[in-house]
Amino acid sequence: MSYATEQGILNGQWNAAELACRAAEQQARPSVIHKPKIYIDGDQWCALYGDNLHDGVAGFGDSPEKAMLDFDINWTKEIT
């Protein structure tokens, strides 16, 4: 006797595909691809790609995760 229904199998496949898509999106983030250095700067975390703040790209936040998210946003900003 089988407990797996066709709909249950399809739902499982859909969920697996959704998780794979989310994982691929995370792997495509600039902070994952470029691996900026992360360190404490004053009272915040800094994620820095480059030699310094003037010549590189940086993100700041109250946690390493928030600094990486800010880095991802700043990576796509144009120079003004």
N, C-alpha and C. Protein backbone atom coordinates (compact mmCIF):
# COMPACT_ATOMS: atom_id res chain seq x y z
N MET A 1 0.84 -1.18 0.00
CA MET A 1 0.00 0.00 0.00
C MET A 1 0.88 1.24 0.00
N SER A 2 0.63 2.18 -0.90
CA SER A 2 1.42 3.39 -1.02
C SER A 2 0.71 4.57 -0.37
N TYR A 3 1.45 5.35 0.38
CA TYR A 3 0.87 6.52 1.04
C TYR A 3 1.13 7.80 0.25
N ALA A 4 1.97 7.74 -0.75
CA ALA A 4 2.28 8.93 -1.55
C ALA A 4 1.23 9.08 -2.65
N THR A 5 0.64 10.27 -2.68
CA THR A 5 -0.31 10.55 -3.75
C THR A 5 0.41 11.31 -4.86
N GLU A 6 -0.20 11.33 -6.02
CA GLU A 6 0.39 12.07 -7.12
C GLU A 6 0.54 13.54 -6.76
N GLN A 7 -0.48 14.11 -6.11
CA GLN A 7 -0.43 15.52 -5.71
C GLN A 7 0.67 15.75 -4.67
N GLY A 8 0.83 14.81 -3.76
CA GLY A 8 1.89 14.93 -2.75
C GLY A 8 3.27 14.92 -3.37
N ILE A 9 3.45 14.07 -4.36
CA ILE A 9 4.73 14.00 -5.06
C ILE A 9 4.99 15.30 -5.82
N LEU A 10 3.96 15.81 -6.51
CA LEU A 10 4.10 17.08 -7.24
C LEU A 10 4.42 18.24 -6.29
N ASN A 11 3.77 18.25 -5.13
CA ASN A 11 4.05 19.30 -4.14
C ASN A 11 5.50 19.21 -3.65
N GLY A 12 5.97 18.01 -3.42
CA GLY A 12 7.35 17.82 -3.00
C GLY A 12 8.33 18.29 -4.05
N GLN A 13 8.04 17.99 -5.31
CA GLN A 13 8.91 18.44 -6.40
C GLN A 13 8.90 19.97 -6.51
N TRP A 14 7.72 20.57 -6.37
CA TRP A 14 7.61 22.03 -6.42
C TRP A 14 8.42 22.66 -5.28
N ASN A 15 8.29 22.13 -4.09
CA ASN A 15 9.02 22.66 -2.94
C ASN A 15 10.52 22.54 -3.13
N ALA A 16 10.97 21.42 -3.66
CA ALA A 16 12.40 21.23 -3.91
C ALA A 16 12.90 22.22 -4.95
N ALA A 17 12.12 22.45 -6.00
CA ALA A 17 12.51 23.41 -7.04
C ALA A 17 12.55 24.83 -6.47
N GLU A 18 11.60 25.17 -5.62
CA GLU A 18 11.56 26.49 -4.98
C GLU A 18 12.79 26.70 -4.10
N LEU A 19 13.16 25.71 -3.32
CA LEU A 19 14.34 25.80 -2.47
C LEU A 19 15.62 25.92 -3.29
N ALA A 20 15.70 25.20 -4.39
CA ALA A 20 16.87 25.29 -5.27
C ALA A 20 16.97 26.68 -5.88
N CYS A 21 15.86 27.26 -6.25
CA CYS A 21 15.83 28.61 -6.82
C CYS A 21 16.30 29.63 -5.79
N ARG A 22 15.80 29.52 -4.58
CA ARG A 22 16.22 30.44 -3.51
C ARG A 22 17.71 30.31 -3.21
N ALA A 23 18.21 29.10 -3.20
CA ALA A 23 19.64 28.88 -2.95
C ALA A 23 20.47 29.50 -4.06
N ALA A 24 20.02 29.36 -5.31
CA ALA A 24 20.74 29.95 -6.45
C ALA A 24 20.75 31.47 -6.36
N GLU A 25 19.64 32.07 -5.93
CA GLU A 25 19.58 33.52 -5.75
C GLU A 25 20.58 33.99 -4.70
N GLN A 26 20.67 33.26 -3.61
CA GLN A 26 21.62 33.62 -2.55
C GLN A 26 23.06 33.51 -3.04
N GLN A 27 23.35 32.49 -3.82
CA GLN A 27 24.71 32.30 -4.34
C GLN A 27 25.10 33.37 -5.35
N ALA A 28 24.11 34.06 -5.92
CA ALA A 28 24.37 35.10 -6.92
C ALA A 28 24.53 36.49 -6.30
N ARG A 29 24.38 36.61 -4.98
CA ARG A 29 24.53 37.92 -4.33
C ARG A 29 25.97 38.41 -4.47
N PRO A 30 26.15 39.73 -4.68
CA PRO A 30 27.52 40.27 -4.79
C PRO A 30 28.39 39.94 -3.58
N SER A 31 27.82 39.94 -2.39
CA SER A 31 28.62 39.65 -1.20
C SER A 31 29.09 38.20 -1.16
N VAL A 32 28.38 37.31 -1.81
CA VAL A 32 28.80 35.90 -1.88
C VAL A 32 29.85 35.72 -2.96
N ILE A 33 29.64 36.37 -4.10
CA ILE A 33 30.56 36.23 -5.23
C ILE A 33 31.91 36.88 -4.94
N HIS A 34 31.88 38.09 -4.40
CA HIS A 34 33.12 38.87 -4.25
C HIS A 34 33.78 38.73 -2.88
N LYS A 35 33.09 38.16 -1.92
CA LYS A 35 33.64 37.87 -0.59
C LYS A 35 34.39 39.06 0.02
N PRO A 36 33.67 40.14 0.33
CA PRO A 36 34.35 41.29 0.94
C PRO A 36 34.88 40.94 2.33
N LYS A 37 35.92 41.69 2.74
CA LYS A 37 36.44 41.53 4.10
C LYS A 37 35.39 42.10 5.05
N ILE A 38 35.23 41.45 6.19
CA ILE A 38 34.27 41.94 7.17
C ILE A 38 34.97 42.16 8.50
N TYR A 39 34.71 43.32 9.08
CA TYR A 39 35.35 43.67 10.34
C TYR A 39 34.51 44.71 11.06
N ILE A 40 34.81 44.94 12.33
CA ILE A 40 34.12 45.96 13.11
C ILE A 40 34.78 47.30 12.85
N ASP A 41 33.94 48.30 12.57
CA ASP A 41 34.41 49.67 12.34
C ASP A 41 33.59 50.58 13.25
N GLY A 42 34.18 50.99 14.36
CA GLY A 42 33.44 51.78 15.34
C GLY A 42 32.39 50.93 16.02
N ASP A 43 31.13 51.35 15.88
CA ASP A 43 30.05 50.61 16.53
C ASP A 43 29.23 49.78 15.52
N GLN A 44 29.78 49.59 14.31
CA GLN A 44 29.08 48.80 13.30
C GLN A 44 30.04 47.83 12.62
N TRP A 45 29.44 46.88 11.94
CA TRP A 45 30.21 45.97 11.11
C TRP A 45 30.39 46.59 9.73
N CYS A 46 31.51 46.32 9.11
CA CYS A 46 31.80 46.81 7.78
C CYS A 46 32.16 45.63 6.88
N ALA A 47 31.55 45.60 5.69
CA ALA A 47 31.92 44.64 4.65
C ALA A 47 32.58 45.45 3.55
N LEU A 48 33.87 45.23 3.31
CA LEU A 48 34.64 46.06 2.38
C LEU A 48 35.28 45.21 1.29
N TYR A 49 35.03 45.61 0.04
CA TYR A 49 35.70 45.02 -1.11
C TYR A 49 36.59 46.10 -1.70
N GLY A 50 37.88 45.90 -1.65
CA GLY A 50 38.83 46.89 -2.12
C GLY A 50 39.81 47.24 -1.02
N ASP A 51 40.71 48.16 -1.34
CA ASP A 51 41.76 48.53 -0.40
C ASP A 51 41.30 49.49 0.69
N ASN A 52 40.31 50.33 0.37
CA ASN A 52 39.84 51.31 1.35
C ASN A 52 38.43 51.76 0.98
N LEU A 53 37.82 52.58 1.84
CA LEU A 53 36.45 53.04 1.61
C LEU A 53 36.34 53.94 0.38
N HIS A 54 37.38 54.69 0.07
CA HIS A 54 37.34 55.61 -1.06
C HIS A 54 37.37 54.88 -2.40
N ASP A 55 38.17 53.85 -2.50
CA ASP A 55 38.36 53.14 -3.77
C ASP A 55 37.54 51.86 -3.89
N GLY A 56 36.95 51.42 -2.82
CA GLY A 56 36.23 50.15 -2.85
C GLY A 56 34.73 50.31 -2.68
N VAL A 57 34.08 49.22 -2.42
CA VAL A 57 32.64 49.18 -2.13
C VAL A 57 32.49 48.66 -0.72
N ALA A 58 31.62 49.32 0.04
CA ALA A 58 31.44 48.93 1.44
C ALA A 58 29.97 48.89 1.81
N GLY A 59 29.68 48.13 2.83
CA GLY A 59 28.36 48.08 3.42
C GLY A 59 28.52 48.08 4.93
N PHE A 60 27.58 48.71 5.62
CA PHE A 60 27.65 48.81 7.07
C PHE A 60 26.34 48.32 7.69
N GLY A 61 26.44 47.78 8.90
CA GLY A 61 25.25 47.33 9.60
C GLY A 61 25.55 46.94 11.03
N ASP A 62 24.49 46.73 11.79
CA ASP A 62 24.62 46.35 13.19
C ASP A 62 25.02 44.89 13.38
N SER A 63 25.01 44.14 12.30
CA SER A 63 25.44 42.74 12.35
C SER A 63 26.19 42.45 11.04
N PRO A 64 26.95 41.38 11.01
CA PRO A 64 27.61 41.02 9.75
C PRO A 64 26.61 40.82 8.61
N GLU A 65 25.47 40.21 8.92
CA GLU A 65 24.46 39.98 7.88
C GLU A 65 23.93 41.30 7.32
N LYS A 66 23.66 42.26 8.20
CA LYS A 66 23.16 43.56 7.74
C LYS A 66 24.22 44.31 6.94
N ALA A 67 25.49 44.16 7.33
CA ALA A 67 26.56 44.79 6.56
C ALA A 67 26.65 44.18 5.17
N MET A 68 26.50 42.86 5.07
CA MET A 68 26.53 42.20 3.76
C MET A 68 25.33 42.62 2.91
N LEU A 69 24.15 42.76 3.50
CA LEU A 69 22.98 43.21 2.75
C LEU A 69 23.17 44.63 2.24
N ASP A 70 23.74 45.50 3.08
CA ASP A 70 24.04 46.87 2.66
C ASP A 70 25.09 46.88 1.55
N PHE A 71 26.07 46.00 1.67
CA PHE A 71 27.09 45.85 0.61
C PHE A 71 26.42 45.48 -0.71
N ASP A 72 25.49 44.53 -0.68
CA ASP A 72 24.80 44.11 -1.90
C ASP A 72 24.08 45.28 -2.55
N ILE A 73 23.43 46.11 -1.74
CA ILE A 73 22.73 47.29 -2.26
C ILE A 73 23.73 48.28 -2.86
N ASN A 74 24.81 48.54 -2.13
CA ASN A 74 25.79 49.52 -2.60
C ASN A 74 26.55 49.04 -3.84
N TRP A 75 26.65 47.73 -4.03
CA TRP A 75 27.35 47.18 -5.19
C TRP A 75 26.69 47.64 -6.49
N THR A 76 25.39 47.80 -6.46
CA THR A 76 24.65 48.14 -7.69
C THR A 76 24.46 49.65 -7.89
N LYS A 77 24.88 50.46 -6.91
CA LYS A 77 24.73 51.91 -7.05
C LYS A 77 25.73 52.49 -8.03
N GLU A 78 25.27 53.47 -8.79
CA GLU A 78 26.15 54.16 -9.72
C GLU A 78 26.95 55.23 -9.00
N ILE A 79 28.13 55.56 -9.52
CA ILE A 79 28.94 56.63 -8.97
C ILE A 79 28.28 57.95 -9.35
N THR A 80 28.15 58.82 -8.37
CA THR A 80 27.52 60.13 -8.65
C THR A 80 28.55 61.23 -8.63
